[in-house]
C-alpha atoms as a PDB file:
ATOM      1  CA  MET A   1      46.196  86.805  60.986  1.00  0.00           C
ATOM      2  CA  GLU A   2      45.291  85.002  64.383  1.00  0.00           C
ATOM      3  CA  ILE A   3      42.380  82.980  63.856  1.00  0.00           C
ATOM      4  CA  LYS A   4      41.589  83.252  67.738  1.00  0.00           C
ATOM      5  CA  ASN A   5      40.870  87.088  67.168  1.00  0.00           C
ATOM      6  CA  ILE A   6      38.488  87.229  64.378  1.00  0.00           C
ATOM      7  CA  SER A   7      34.921  86.908  63.883  1.00  0.00           C
ATOM      8  CA  GLN A   8      33.011  84.699  61.676  1.00  0.00           C
ATOM      9  CA  ASN A   9      32.003  87.658  59.378  1.00  0.00           C
ATOM     10  CA  LYS A  10      35.620  88.308  58.908  1.00  0.00           C
ATOM     11  CA  PHE A  11      36.681  84.578  58.666  1.00  0.00           C
ATOM     12  CA  SER A  12      34.049  84.314  55.587  1.00  0.00           C
ATOM     13  CA  SER A  13      35.325  87.474  53.964  1.00  0.00           C
ATOM     14  CA  LEU A  14      38.864  86.475  53.974  1.00  0.00           C
ATOM     15  CA  ILE A  15      38.301  82.821  52.703  1.00  0.00           C
ATOM     16  CA  LYS A  16      35.740  84.326  49.821  1.00  0.00           C
ATOM     17  CA  ASP A  17      36.959  87.625  48.890  1.00  0.00           C
ATOM     18  CA  PHE A  18      40.778  87.428  49.789  1.00  0.00           C
ATOM     19  CA  ASN A  19      41.574  83.850  48.901  1.00  0.00           C
ATOM     20  CA  PHE A  20      43.021  82.985  52.350  1.00  0.00           C
ATOM     21  CA  GLU A  21      43.456  79.065  51.771  1.00  0.00           C
ATOM     22  CA  SER A  22      46.224  78.208  54.269  1.00  0.00           C
ATOM     23  CA  ALA A  23      46.366  77.662  58.080  1.00  0.00           C
ATOM     24  CA  ILE A  24      49.845  77.303  60.351  1.00  0.00           C
ATOM     25  CA  LEU A  25      49.943  75.611  63.497  1.00  0.00           C
ATOM     26  CA  PRO A  26      53.200  76.107  65.767  1.00  0.00           C
ATOM     27  CA  LEU A  27      53.691  72.968  67.526  1.00  0.00           C
ATOM     28  CA  GLY A  28      56.049  72.744  70.554  1.00  0.00           C
ATOM     29  CA  SER A  29      56.552  70.916  73.834  1.00  0.00           C
ATOM     30  CA  ILE A  30      56.790  71.745  77.384  1.00  0.00           C
ATOM     31  CA  GLU A  31      60.156  70.273  78.736  1.00  0.00           C
ATOM     32  CA  GLN A  32      63.523  71.086  80.173  1.00  0.00           C
ATOM     33  CA  HIS A  33      65.770  73.374  78.311  1.00  0.00           C
ATOM     34  CA  GLY A  34      68.678  73.231  80.907  1.00  0.00           C
ATOM     35  CA  ASP A  35      68.455  75.768  83.979  1.00  0.00           C
ATOM     36  CA  HIS A  36      68.872  78.939  81.686  1.00  0.00           C
ATOM     37  CA  LEU A  37      65.688  78.452  79.211  1.00  0.00           C
ATOM     38  CA  PRO A  38      62.051  77.993  80.314  1.00  0.00           C
ATOM     39  CA  PHE A  39      60.299  74.779  79.532  1.00  0.00           C
ATOM     40  CA  SER A  40      58.322  76.582  76.731  1.00  0.00           C
ATOM     41  CA  THR A  41      61.178  77.210  74.688  1.00  0.00           C
ATOM     42  CA  ASP A  42      60.513  75.104  71.561  1.00  0.00           C
ATOM     43  CA  THR A  43      56.860  76.320  71.282  1.00  0.00           C
ATOM     44  CA  LEU A  44      58.212  80.054  71.905  1.00  0.00           C
ATOM     45  CA  ILE A  45      60.464  79.677  68.971  1.00  0.00           C
ATOM     46  CA  VAL A  46      58.052  78.292  66.288  1.00  0.00           C
ATOM     47  CA  GLU A  47      55.250  80.579  67.656  1.00  0.00           C
ATOM     48  CA  HIS A  48      57.482  83.688  66.793  1.00  0.00           C
ATOM     49  CA  ILE A  49      58.437  82.132  63.163  1.00  0.00           C
ATOM     50  CA  SER A  50      54.908  81.165  62.625  1.00  0.00           C
ATOM     51  CA  ASN A  51      53.840  84.429  63.339  1.00  0.00           C
ATOM     52  CA  ILE A  52      55.895  86.047  60.818  1.00  0.00           C
ATOM     53  CA  VAL A  53      55.378  83.475  58.185  1.00  0.00           C
ATOM     54  CA  SER A  54      51.635  83.473  58.372  1.00  0.00           C
ATOM     55  CA  THR A  55      51.555  87.278  57.995  1.00  0.00           C
ATOM     56  CA  LYS A  56      53.868  87.407  55.007  1.00  0.00           C
ATOM     57  CA  SER A  57      52.132  84.380  53.609  1.00  0.00           C
ATOM     58  CA  GLU A  58      48.487  85.520  54.212  1.00  0.00           C
ATOM     59  CA  ALA A  59      47.892  82.478  56.362  1.00  0.00           C
ATOM     60  CA  PHE A  60      45.590  81.896  59.321  1.00  0.00           C
ATOM     61  CA  LEU A  61      47.721  81.327  62.483  1.00  0.00           C
ATOM     62  CA  LEU A  62      46.273  79.027  64.857  1.00  0.00           C
ATOM     63  CA  PRO A  63      46.780  78.961  68.652  1.00  0.00           C
ATOM     64  CA  SER A  64      49.838  77.035  69.456  1.00  0.00           C
ATOM     65  CA  LEU A  65      49.903  73.604  70.744  1.00  0.00           C
ATOM     66  CA  PHE A  66      52.617  73.541  73.805  1.00  0.00           C
ATOM     67  CA  TYR A  67      52.338  69.758  74.472  1.00  0.00           C
ATOM     68  CA  GLY A  68      54.548  67.277  72.523  1.00  0.00           C
ATOM     69  CA  VAL A  69      56.226  63.677  72.744  1.00  0.00           C
ATOM     70  CA  SER A  70      59.106  64.383  75.349  1.00  0.00           C
ATOM     71  CA  TYR A  71      59.485  61.171  77.307  1.00  0.00           C
ATOM     72  CA  GLU A  72      63.234  61.236  76.434  1.00  0.00           C
ATOM     73  CA  HIS A  73      63.634  64.054  78.761  1.00  0.00           C
ATOM     74  CA  GLU A  74      63.012  61.797  81.671  1.00  0.00           C
ATOM     75  CA  PRO A  75      63.413  62.122  84.597  1.00  0.00           C
ATOM     76  CA  LEU A  76      63.894  65.917  84.072  1.00  0.00           C
ATOM     77  CA  PHE A  77      60.660  67.909  83.763  1.00  0.00           C
ATOM     78  CA  ASN A  78      58.339  67.461  80.895  1.00  0.00           C
ATOM     79  CA  ILE A  79      54.716  67.266  80.169  1.00  0.00           C
ATOM     80  CA  SER A  80      54.375  64.340  77.242  1.00  0.00           C
ATOM     81  CA  ILE A  81      51.254  63.524  74.975  1.00  0.00           C
ATOM     82  CA  ASP A  82      50.905  59.983  74.100  1.00  0.00           C
ATOM     83  CA  TYR A  83      51.613  60.025  70.038  1.00  0.00           C
ATOM     84  CA  ASN A  84      48.187  58.616  69.098  1.00  0.00           C
ATOM     85  CA  ILE A  85      46.270  61.225  71.083  1.00  0.00           C
ATOM     86  CA  LEU A  86      48.454  64.147  69.176  1.00  0.00           C
ATOM     87  CA  VAL A  87      48.168  62.667  65.910  1.00  0.00           C
ATOM     88  CA  ASP A  88      44.211  62.545  66.636  1.00  0.00           C
ATOM     89  CA  LEU A  89      43.949  66.022  68.029  1.00  0.00           C
ATOM     90  CA  ILE A  90      45.947  67.430  65.104  1.00  0.00           C
ATOM     91  CA  SER A  91      43.746  65.358  62.672  1.00  0.00           C
ATOM     92  CA  CYS A  92      40.693  66.788  64.082  1.00  0.00           C
ATOM     93  CA  ILE A  93      42.138  70.188  63.778  1.00  0.00           C
ATOM     94  CA  CYS A  94      42.684  69.680  60.196  1.00  0.00           C
ATOM     95  CA  GLN A  95      39.292  68.050  59.535  1.00  0.00           C
ATOM     96  CA  SER A  96      37.446  71.106  61.170  1.00  0.00           C
ATOM     97  CA  LEU A  97      39.373  73.455  58.821  1.00  0.00           C
ATOM     98  CA  SER A  98      39.095  71.642  56.063  1.00  0.00           C
ATOM     99  CA  VAL A  99      35.090  71.476  56.500  1.00  0.00           C
ATOM    100  CA  HIS A 100      35.138  75.464  56.650  1.00  0.00           C
ATOM    101  CA  GLY A 101      37.076  76.130  53.493  1.00  0.00           C
ATOM    102  CA  ILE A 102      40.582  75.955  54.497  1.00  0.00           C
ATOM    103  CA  LYS A 103      42.814  74.042  51.644  1.00  0.00           C
ATOM    104  CA  ARG A 104      46.311  73.543  53.038  1.00  0.00           C
ATOM    105  CA  MET A 105      47.500  73.096  56.645  1.00  0.00           C
ATOM    106  CA  TYR A 106      51.069  73.542  58.068  1.00  0.00           C
ATOM    107  CA  VAL A 107      52.486  72.610  60.984  1.00  0.00           C
ATOM    108  CA  ILE A 108      55.672  74.277  61.868  1.00  0.00           C
ATOM    109  CA  ASN A 109      57.478  71.948  64.583  1.00  0.00           C
ATOM    110  CA  GLY A 110      60.050  73.004  67.005  1.00  0.00           C
ATOM    111  CA  HIS A 111      60.603  69.715  68.977  1.00  0.00           C
ATOM    112  CA  HIS A 112      62.508  66.491  67.511  1.00  0.00           C
ATOM    113  CA  GLY A 113      60.314  64.090  69.470  1.00  0.00           C
ATOM    114  CA  ASN A 114      57.416  65.227  67.583  1.00  0.00           C
ATOM    115  CA  ILE A 115      58.466  64.198  64.429  1.00  0.00           C
ATOM    116  CA  GLY A 116      57.304  60.345  64.479  1.00  0.00           C
ATOM    117  CA  LEU A 117      53.605  61.203  65.013  1.00  0.00           C
ATOM    118  CA  LEU A 118      53.723  63.790  62.287  1.00  0.00           C
ATOM    119  CA  GLN A 119      54.658  61.332  60.026  1.00  0.00           C
ATOM    120  CA  TYR A 120      51.200  59.601  60.489  1.00  0.00           C
ATOM    121  CA  VAL A 121      48.827  62.519  60.404  1.00  0.00           C
ATOM    122  CA  GLY A 122      48.854  62.545  56.494  1.00  0.00           C
ATOM    123  CA  GLN A 123      47.923  58.834  56.750  1.00  0.00           C
ATOM    124  CA  ASN A 124      45.343  59.408  59.460  1.00  0.00           C
ATOM    125  CA  LEU A 125      43.487  62.113  57.274  1.00  0.00           C
ATOM    126  CA  SER A 126      43.348  60.222  54.518  1.00  0.00           C
ATOM    127  CA  SER A 127      42.237  56.779  56.139  1.00  0.00           C
ATOM    128  CA  LYS A 128      39.720  58.426  58.532  1.00  0.00           C
ATOM    129  CA  TYR A 129      38.410  61.784  56.958  1.00  0.00           C
ATOM    130  CA  ALA A 130      39.332  61.126  53.324  1.00  0.00           C
ATOM    131  CA  ILE A 131      41.342  64.587  52.984  1.00  0.00           C
ATOM    132  CA  ASN A 132      44.088  64.029  50.237  1.00  0.00           C
ATOM    133  CA  SER A 133      47.722  64.302  50.353  1.00  0.00           C
ATOM    134  CA  ASP A 134      47.749  67.869  49.298  1.00  0.00           C
ATOM    135  CA  PHE A 135      46.390  69.279  52.725  1.00  0.00           C
ATOM    136  CA  PHE A 136      48.770  68.336  55.259  1.00  0.00           C
ATOM    137  CA  TYR A 137      52.566  69.503  55.614  1.00  0.00           C
ATOM    138  CA  PHE A 138      54.772  69.844  58.469  1.00  0.00           C
ATOM    139  CA  ILE A 139      58.194  71.549  58.392  1.00  0.00           C
ATOM    140  CA  ASN A 140      60.638  71.120  61.189  1.00  0.00           C
ATOM    141  CA  TYR A 141      62.130  74.644  61.419  1.00  0.00           C
ATOM    142  CA  TRP A 142      65.940  73.577  62.496  1.00  0.00           C
ATOM    143  CA  GLN A 143      65.980  71.885  59.190  1.00  0.00           C
ATOM    144  CA  MET A 144      66.107  75.254  57.512  1.00  0.00           C
ATOM    145  CA  LEU A 145      69.320  76.184  59.449  1.00  0.00           C
ATOM    146  CA  GLU A 146      72.857  76.024  57.858  1.00  0.00           C
ATOM    147  CA  THR A 147      74.273  75.489  61.148  1.00  0.00           C
ATOM    148  CA  GLY A 148      73.688  72.012  63.339  1.00  0.00           C
ATOM    149  CA  PHE A 149      70.926  71.929  65.788  1.00  0.00           C
ATOM    150  CA  ASP A 150      71.163  71.487  69.534  1.00  0.00           C
ATOM    151  CA  HIS A 151      68.980  71.235  72.749  1.00  0.00           C
ATOM    152  CA  ALA A 152      69.600  74.571  75.040  1.00  0.00           C
ATOM    153  CA  GLY A 153      72.952  74.912  73.332  1.00  0.00           C
ATOM    154  CA  GLU A 154      74.429  77.748  71.080  1.00  0.00           C
ATOM    155  CA  VAL A 155      71.452  77.585  68.634  1.00  0.00           C
ATOM    156  CA  GLU A 156      68.441  77.783  71.080  1.00  0.00           C
ATOM    157  CA  THR A 157      69.996  80.330  73.416  1.00  0.00           C
ATOM    158  CA  SER A 158      70.852  82.460  70.839  1.00  0.00           C
ATOM    159  CA  ILE A 159      67.339  82.626  68.995  1.00  0.00           C
ATOM    160  CA  MET A 160      65.899  83.028  72.677  1.00  0.00           C
ATOM    161  CA  MET A 161      68.122  85.697  73.373  1.00  0.00           C
ATOM    162  CA  ALA A 162      66.738  87.346  70.034  1.00  0.00           C
ATOM    163  CA  ILE A 163      63.129  87.282  70.749  1.00  0.00           C
ATOM    164  CA  HIS A 164      62.941  86.805  74.559  1.00  0.00           C
ATOM    165  CA  PRO A 165      65.719  87.857  76.265  1.00  0.00           C
ATOM    166  CA  ASN A 166      64.088  88.139  79.410  1.00  0.00           C
ATOM    167  CA  LEU A 167      63.397  84.633  79.763  1.00  0.00           C
ATOM    168  CA  VAL A 168      67.186  83.601  79.367  1.00  0.00           C
ATOM    169  CA  ASN A 169      69.129  83.237  82.619  1.00  0.00           C
ATOM    170  CA  MET A 170      72.949  82.898  81.430  1.00  0.00           C
ATOM    171  CA  ASP A 171      73.942  82.756  85.233  1.00  0.00           C
ATOM    172  CA  LEU A 172      72.331  79.629  85.237  1.00  0.00           C
ATOM    173  CA  ALA A 173      73.807  78.172  82.012  1.00  0.00           C
ATOM    174  CA  LYS A 174      75.863  75.097  81.698  1.00  0.00           C
ATOM    175  CA  ALA A 175      77.812  73.475  78.773  1.00  0.00           C
ATOM    176  CA  GLY A 176      76.528  70.128  77.578  1.00  0.00           C
ATOM    177  CA  LEU A 177      77.062  67.285  75.075  1.00  0.00           C
ATOM    178  CA  ASP A 178      79.291  68.503  72.228  1.00  0.00           C
ATOM    179  CA  ALA A 179      79.105  66.100  69.056  1.00  0.00           C
ATOM    180  CA  LYS A 180      80.240  68.465  66.762  1.00  0.00           C
ATOM    181  CA  GLY A 181      83.846  66.721  66.588  1.00  0.00           C
ATOM    182  CA  GLN A 182      82.307  63.312  65.906  1.00  0.00           C
ATOM    183  CA  GLU A 183      82.518  62.202  62.199  1.00  0.00           C
ATOM    184  CA  VAL A 184      79.433  61.988  60.010  1.00  0.00           C
ATOM    185  CA  GLY A 185      78.296  58.198  60.253  1.00  0.00           C
ATOM    186  CA  SER A 186      80.757  57.615  63.025  1.00  0.00           C
ATOM    187  CA  LEU A 187      79.343  54.885  65.361  1.00  0.00           C
ATOM    188  CA  TYR A 188      78.863  57.372  68.070  1.00  0.00           C
ATOM    189  CA  LYS A 189      76.431  59.730  66.027  1.00  0.00           C
ATOM    190  CA  LEU A 190      74.741  56.601  64.786  1.00  0.00           C
ATOM    191  CA  GLY A 191      74.286  55.277  68.093  1.00  0.00           C
ATOM    192  CA  THR A 192      72.790  58.679  69.259  1.00  0.00           C
ATOM    193  CA  ASN A 193      70.413  58.869  66.645  1.00  0.00           C
ATOM    194  CA  MET A 194      69.345  55.000  67.069  1.00  0.00           C
ATOM    195  CA  SER A 195      68.258  55.798  70.748  1.00  0.00           C
ATOM    196  CA  ILE A 196      68.299  59.350  71.763  1.00  0.00           C
ATOM    197  CA  ASN A 197      64.388  59.570  71.614  1.00  0.00           C
ATOM    198  CA  ASN A 198      63.956  56.553  73.464  1.00  0.00           C
ATOM    199  CA  PRO A 199      62.453  57.351  77.386  1.00  0.00           C
ATOM    200  CA  ALA A 200      65.095  58.718  78.925  1.00  0.00           C
ATOM    201  CA  GLY A 201      67.391  58.432  75.941  1.00  0.00           C
ATOM    202  CA  PHE A 202      68.415  62.336  75.941  1.00  0.00           C
ATOM    203  CA  MET A 203      69.562  61.688  79.483  1.00  0.00           C
ATOM    204  CA  LYS A 204      71.724  58.713  78.442  1.00  0.00           C
ATOM    205  CA  PHE A 205      73.824  60.792  76.289  1.00  0.00           C
ATOM    206  CA  THR A 206      73.795  64.140  77.586  1.00  0.00           C
ATOM    207  CA  LYS A 207      73.841  63.524  81.323  1.00  0.00           C
ATOM    208  CA  ASN A 208      72.775  66.968  82.062  1.00  0.00           C
ATOM    209  CA  GLY A 209      70.004  67.634  79.393  1.00  0.00           C
ATOM    210  CA  ILE A 210      71.743  69.926  77.293  1.00  0.00           C
ATOM    211  CA  TRP A 211      73.049  69.288  73.760  1.00  0.00           C
ATOM    212  CA  GLY A 212      75.684  72.038  72.771  1.00  0.00           C
ATOM    213  CA  ASP A 213      77.483  74.956  74.369  1.00  0.00           C
ATOM    214  CA  PRO A 214      75.241  77.993  75.446  1.00  0.00           C
ATOM    215  CA  PHE A 215      77.918  80.181  76.108  1.00  0.00           C
ATOM    216  CA  LYS A 216      78.627  80.629  72.453  1.00  0.00           C
ATOM    217  CA  ALA A 217      75.001  81.900  71.882  1.00  0.00           C
ATOM    218  CA  ASN A 218      74.522  85.710  71.329  1.00  0.00           C
ATOM    219  CA  ALA A 219      71.212  87.626  70.040  1.00  0.00           C
ATOM    220  CA  THR A 220      72.820  88.893  66.706  1.00  0.00           C
ATOM    221  CA  GLU A 221      73.400  85.161  65.559  1.00  0.00           C
ATOM    222  CA  GLY A 222      70.009  84.098  66.847  1.00  0.00           C
ATOM    223  CA  LYS A 223      68.474  86.954  64.539  1.00  0.00           C
ATOM    224  CA  LYS A 224      70.294  85.916  61.643  1.00  0.00           C
ATOM    225  CA  MET A 225      69.257  82.179  62.243  1.00  0.00           C
ATOM    226  CA  LEU A 226      65.518  83.272  62.414  1.00  0.00           C
ATOM    227  CA  SER A 227      65.732  85.198  59.376  1.00  0.00           C
ATOM    228  CA  GLN A 228      67.338  82.395  57.684  1.00  0.00           C
ATOM    229  CA  VAL A 229      64.747  79.976  58.734  1.00  0.00           C
ATOM    230  CA  ILE A 230      61.686  82.396  57.802  1.00  0.00           C
ATOM    231  CA  GLU A 231      63.111  82.858  54.278  1.00  0.00           C
ATOM    232  CA  LYS A 232      63.388  79.205  53.486  1.00  0.00           C
ATOM    233  CA  ILE A 233      60.011  78.358  54.855  1.00  0.00           C
ATOM    234  CA  LEU A 234      58.469  80.936  53.096  1.00  0.00           C
ATOM    235  CA  ALA A 235      60.008  79.951  49.900  1.00  0.00           C
ATOM    236  CA  LEU A 236      58.824  76.432  50.711  1.00  0.00           C
ATOM    237  CA  ILE A 237      55.335  76.983  51.315  1.00  0.00           C
ATOM    238  CA  THR A 238      54.864  79.404  48.513  1.00  0.00           C
ATOM    239  CA  ASP A 239      56.380  76.864  45.857  1.00  0.00           C
ATOM    240  CA  TYR A 240      53.407  75.301  44.175  1.00  0.00           C
ATOM    241  CA  ASN A 241      55.993  72.528  43.113  1.00  0.00           C
ATOM    242  CA  TYR A 242      55.837  71.278  46.956  1.00  0.00           C
ATOM    243  CA  ARG A 243      51.959  71.042  46.897  1.00  0.00           C
END
């Protein structure tokens, strides 16, 4: 149920008569994804996931936030918002929803650089608006995948092939950093995790802004990944043990 397309009467009816209690906010980014994927890749992916999840869980779907914290992609293109501003923006959205009868808010996040700010939203809601800890949740969609995540590599390219094939230009694709051969806990991986989100940190490691190999991507695998993610998110948000 896209909240932007309904009226006051419809909203009030869904809250009162049909027990709509939750809202879902897709949060992505505008940043480089190689030469073969659009800047909006992160947002388009979580928008697709959120649309299906909101329908199946009977939750309101909020308009997507296309801007995130992407300074790590400098000097390649990104539009980045200071994390304090995003914390306040998401908190204001939550506060408005709470006043009007929404009991839970789920942010479905599509960009790794947003994790830090999302960890402070709940604290901000509690201290600034006295909204309890049962209201706000965030889910990083890639953590629902059974395969390792990437950036403009096999995973993201496969998913984009499945949902927006017209926006994928494989003629311009290039392979990027491949860390799959590194052992878990290796100094290389620890070093990457330590500084990859620093300004220009992503470019320091990947050199060309791509993590993974887009040439291994295909739409069939992308559809499987999406089904996996959607199934797990639905199970998570409908399990009262996690509320």
